[in-house]
Amino acid sequence: MAARREEADAAEAVLLEALRLAGIVLPSVGVDRAAGRRSGFYLVDLGSARPDVVAQLAAVIRLGVEARSAKPVGATA
């Protein structure tokens, strides 16, 4: 169970660092420790965010997808 908790903590840290680099703040991000203690599965809760922050996050994800595929998302051929 400790390994799962550590994995969730590491995932949270990686996400928070990426969000910081992108200038995005999701104030409610955190590991759901209570659920983890009950079920053994530690989840990273992304929480709630304002619509403008969600749009900013979507734009950053889109840029990452486009960079990986070397073509704009939604482009044909």
N, C-alpha and C. Protein backbone atom coordinates (compact mmCIF):
# COMPACT_ATOMS: atom_id res chain seq x y z
N MET A 1 0.83 -1.19 0.00
CA MET A 1 0.00 0.00 0.00
C MET A 1 0.87 1.26 0.00
N ALA A 2 2.01 1.19 0.66
CA ALA A 2 2.91 2.36 0.70
C ALA A 2 3.40 2.70 -0.70
N ALA A 3 3.65 1.69 -1.52
CA ALA A 3 4.12 1.94 -2.89
C ALA A 3 3.06 2.68 -3.69
N ARG A 4 1.81 2.33 -3.51
CA ARG A 4 0.73 3.03 -4.22
C ARG A 4 0.61 4.48 -3.76
N ARG A 5 0.77 4.70 -2.49
CA ARG A 5 0.71 6.06 -1.95
C ARG A 5 1.88 6.88 -2.50
N GLU A 6 3.06 6.30 -2.52
CA GLU A 6 4.24 6.98 -3.05
C GLU A 6 4.08 7.27 -4.54
N GLU A 7 3.48 6.34 -5.27
CA GLU A 7 3.23 6.54 -6.69
C GLU A 7 2.28 7.73 -6.91
N ALA A 8 1.24 7.80 -6.10
CA ALA A 8 0.29 8.92 -6.21
C ALA A 8 0.97 10.23 -5.83
N ASP A 9 1.79 10.23 -4.79
CA ASP A 9 2.51 11.44 -4.40
C ASP A 9 3.44 11.91 -5.51
N ALA A 10 4.14 10.96 -6.15
CA ALA A 10 5.05 11.30 -7.24
C ALA A 10 4.29 11.86 -8.44
N ALA A 11 3.15 11.25 -8.75
CA ALA A 11 2.33 11.73 -9.87
C ALA A 11 1.82 13.13 -9.60
N GLU A 12 1.41 13.38 -8.37
CA GLU A 12 0.95 14.72 -7.99
C GLU A 12 2.08 15.73 -8.16
N ALA A 13 3.27 15.39 -7.72
CA ALA A 13 4.41 16.30 -7.81
C ALA A 13 4.76 16.60 -9.27
N VAL A 14 4.74 15.58 -10.12
CA VAL A 14 5.03 15.77 -11.55
C VAL A 14 3.98 16.68 -12.17
N LEU A 15 2.72 16.45 -11.85
CA LEU A 15 1.65 17.28 -12.39
C LEU A 15 1.78 18.73 -11.92
N LEU A 16 2.00 18.93 -10.63
CA LEU A 16 2.12 20.28 -10.11
C LEU A 16 3.29 21.03 -10.73
N GLU A 17 4.40 20.34 -10.97
CA GLU A 17 5.55 20.98 -11.61
C GLU A 17 5.22 21.36 -13.05
N ALA A 18 4.55 20.46 -13.79
CA ALA A 18 4.17 20.78 -15.17
C ALA A 18 3.19 21.94 -15.21
N LEU A 19 2.24 21.95 -14.30
CA LEU A 19 1.29 23.06 -14.23
C LEU A 19 2.01 24.36 -13.89
N ARG A 20 2.97 24.30 -12.98
CA ARG A 20 3.73 25.49 -12.61
C ARG A 20 4.48 26.04 -13.83
N LEU A 21 5.12 25.15 -14.59
CA LEU A 21 5.85 25.57 -15.78
C LEU A 21 4.93 26.22 -16.81
N ALA A 22 3.68 25.76 -16.85
CA ALA A 22 2.69 26.30 -17.79
C ALA A 22 1.98 27.53 -17.24
N GLY A 23 2.27 27.87 -16.00
CA GLY A 23 1.61 29.03 -15.39
C GLY A 23 0.17 28.77 -15.02
N ILE A 24 -0.15 27.52 -14.74
CA ILE A 24 -1.52 27.13 -14.41
C ILE A 24 -1.58 26.71 -12.95
N VAL A 25 -2.61 27.17 -12.25
CA VAL A 25 -2.80 26.80 -10.85
C VAL A 25 -4.14 26.08 -10.71
N LEU A 26 -4.07 24.84 -10.25
CA LEU A 26 -5.28 24.09 -9.87
C LEU A 26 -5.19 23.94 -8.35
N PRO A 27 -5.85 24.81 -7.60
CA PRO A 27 -5.65 24.86 -6.15
C PRO A 27 -6.14 23.64 -5.39
N SER A 28 -6.97 22.84 -6.01
CA SER A 28 -7.55 21.70 -5.28
C SER A 28 -6.84 20.38 -5.55
N VAL A 29 -5.75 20.39 -6.32
CA VAL A 29 -5.04 19.14 -6.63
C VAL A 29 -4.51 18.53 -5.34
N GLY A 30 -4.69 17.23 -5.21
CA GLY A 30 -4.16 16.54 -4.04
C GLY A 30 -4.45 15.06 -4.09
N VAL A 31 -3.67 14.31 -3.35
CA VAL A 31 -3.88 12.86 -3.27
C VAL A 31 -5.03 12.61 -2.31
N ASP A 32 -5.98 11.78 -2.74
CA ASP A 32 -7.12 11.42 -1.90
C ASP A 32 -6.68 10.32 -0.95
N ARG A 33 -6.14 10.74 0.18
CA ARG A 33 -5.59 9.78 1.14
C ARG A 33 -6.67 8.98 1.87
N ALA A 34 -7.80 9.61 2.14
CA ALA A 34 -8.88 8.91 2.84
C ALA A 34 -9.38 7.74 1.99
N ALA A 35 -9.61 7.99 0.73
CA ALA A 35 -10.06 6.91 -0.16
C ALA A 35 -8.98 5.84 -0.28
N GLY A 36 -7.73 6.28 -0.32
CA GLY A 36 -6.63 5.32 -0.41
C GLY A 36 -6.55 4.42 0.80
N ARG A 37 -6.76 5.00 1.98
CA ARG A 37 -6.73 4.17 3.19
C ARG A 37 -7.88 3.16 3.21
N ARG A 38 -9.03 3.59 2.68
CA ARG A 38 -10.19 2.68 2.65
C ARG A 38 -10.03 1.59 1.60
N SER A 39 -9.57 1.95 0.40
CA SER A 39 -9.58 1.01 -0.72
C SER A 39 -8.22 0.46 -1.08
N GLY A 40 -7.16 1.16 -0.67
CA GLY A 40 -5.81 0.76 -1.08
C GLY A 40 -5.39 1.40 -2.38
N PHE A 41 -6.29 2.17 -3.00
CA PHE A 41 -5.99 2.85 -4.26
C PHE A 41 -5.95 4.34 -4.01
N TYR A 42 -4.79 4.92 -4.17
CA TYR A 42 -4.59 6.36 -3.96
C TYR A 42 -4.74 7.07 -5.29
N LEU A 43 -5.73 7.93 -5.36
CA LEU A 43 -6.01 8.67 -6.58
C LEU A 43 -5.57 10.11 -6.42
N VAL A 44 -5.16 10.72 -7.53
CA VAL A 44 -4.85 12.14 -7.53
C VAL A 44 -6.12 12.86 -7.95
N ASP A 45 -6.65 13.65 -7.04
CA ASP A 45 -7.87 14.41 -7.29
C ASP A 45 -7.48 15.75 -7.90
N LEU A 46 -8.00 16.04 -9.09
CA LEU A 46 -7.67 17.30 -9.76
C LEU A 46 -8.52 18.45 -9.28
N GLY A 47 -9.60 18.15 -8.59
CA GLY A 47 -10.43 19.19 -8.01
C GLY A 47 -11.20 20.00 -9.03
N SER A 48 -11.65 21.15 -8.61
CA SER A 48 -12.45 22.04 -9.45
C SER A 48 -11.58 23.20 -9.92
N ALA A 49 -11.99 23.78 -11.06
CA ALA A 49 -11.26 24.92 -11.60
C ALA A 49 -12.21 25.83 -12.35
N ARG A 50 -11.86 27.11 -12.42
CA ARG A 50 -12.65 28.07 -13.19
C ARG A 50 -12.59 27.69 -14.67
N PRO A 51 -13.61 28.05 -15.44
CA PRO A 51 -13.62 27.73 -16.87
C PRO A 51 -12.41 28.28 -17.62
N ASP A 52 -11.94 29.47 -17.28
CA ASP A 52 -10.78 30.02 -18.00
C ASP A 52 -9.51 29.22 -17.72
N VAL A 53 -9.39 28.68 -16.52
CA VAL A 53 -8.23 27.85 -16.19
C VAL A 53 -8.31 26.52 -16.93
N VAL A 54 -9.52 25.96 -17.03
CA VAL A 54 -9.70 24.71 -17.77
C VAL A 54 -9.36 24.93 -19.25
N ALA A 55 -9.79 26.06 -19.81
CA ALA A 55 -9.47 26.37 -21.21
C ALA A 55 -7.96 26.51 -21.40
N GLN A 56 -7.29 27.13 -20.44
CA GLN A 56 -5.83 27.27 -20.50
C GLN A 56 -5.15 25.90 -20.44
N LEU A 57 -5.64 25.04 -19.57
CA LEU A 57 -5.10 23.68 -19.46
C LEU A 57 -5.31 22.92 -20.76
N ALA A 58 -6.50 23.04 -21.34
CA ALA A 58 -6.78 22.36 -22.61
C ALA A 58 -5.85 22.85 -23.71
N ALA A 59 -5.58 24.16 -23.74
CA ALA A 59 -4.68 24.71 -24.75
C ALA A 59 -3.26 24.16 -24.60
N VAL A 60 -2.80 24.03 -23.38
CA VAL A 60 -1.46 23.49 -23.14
C VAL A 60 -1.40 22.01 -23.54
N ILE A 61 -2.43 21.26 -23.22
CA ILE A 61 -2.49 19.85 -23.62
C ILE A 61 -2.49 19.74 -25.14
N ARG A 62 -3.28 20.57 -25.80
CA ARG A 62 -3.35 20.56 -27.27
C ARG A 62 -1.97 20.84 -27.87
N LEU A 63 -1.27 21.82 -27.34
CA LEU A 63 0.07 22.14 -27.83
C LEU A 63 1.01 20.94 -27.67
N GLY A 64 0.91 20.26 -26.55
CA GLY A 64 1.73 19.08 -26.32
C GLY A 64 1.42 17.96 -27.30
N VAL A 65 0.13 17.75 -27.55
CA VAL A 65 -0.28 16.72 -28.51
C VAL A 65 0.22 17.08 -29.90
N GLU A 66 0.07 18.34 -30.28
CA GLU A 66 0.54 18.78 -31.60
C GLU A 66 2.06 18.63 -31.72
N ALA A 67 2.79 18.95 -30.67
CA ALA A 67 4.24 18.81 -30.70
C ALA A 67 4.65 17.34 -30.87
N ARG A 68 3.92 16.44 -30.25
CA ARG A 68 4.22 15.01 -30.38
C ARG A 68 3.91 14.49 -31.77
N SER A 69 2.83 14.96 -32.35
CA SER A 69 2.41 14.42 -33.64
C SER A 69 2.96 15.22 -34.80
N ALA A 70 3.54 16.38 -34.54
CA ALA A 70 4.12 17.27 -35.55
C ALA A 70 3.08 17.78 -36.54
N LYS A 71 1.81 17.78 -36.16
CA LYS A 71 0.78 18.39 -36.98
C LYS A 71 -0.33 18.90 -36.08
N PRO A 72 -1.02 19.95 -36.49
CA PRO A 72 -2.09 20.48 -35.65
C PRO A 72 -3.18 19.46 -35.37
N VAL A 73 -3.66 19.45 -34.16
CA VAL A 73 -4.74 18.54 -33.78
C VAL A 73 -5.97 18.91 -34.59
N GLY A 74 -6.61 17.91 -35.15
CA GLY A 74 -7.79 18.13 -35.97
C GLY A 74 -7.46 18.33 -37.44
N ALA A 75 -6.18 18.41 -37.79
CA ALA A 75 -5.79 18.58 -39.20
C ALA A 75 -5.96 17.26 -39.94
N THR A 76 -6.30 17.36 -41.18
CA THR A 76 -6.43 16.16 -42.00
C THR A 76 -5.20 16.01 -42.88
N ALA A 77 -4.87 14.77 -43.16
CA ALA A 77 -3.74 14.39 -44.00
C ALA A 77 -2.45 14.85 -43.50
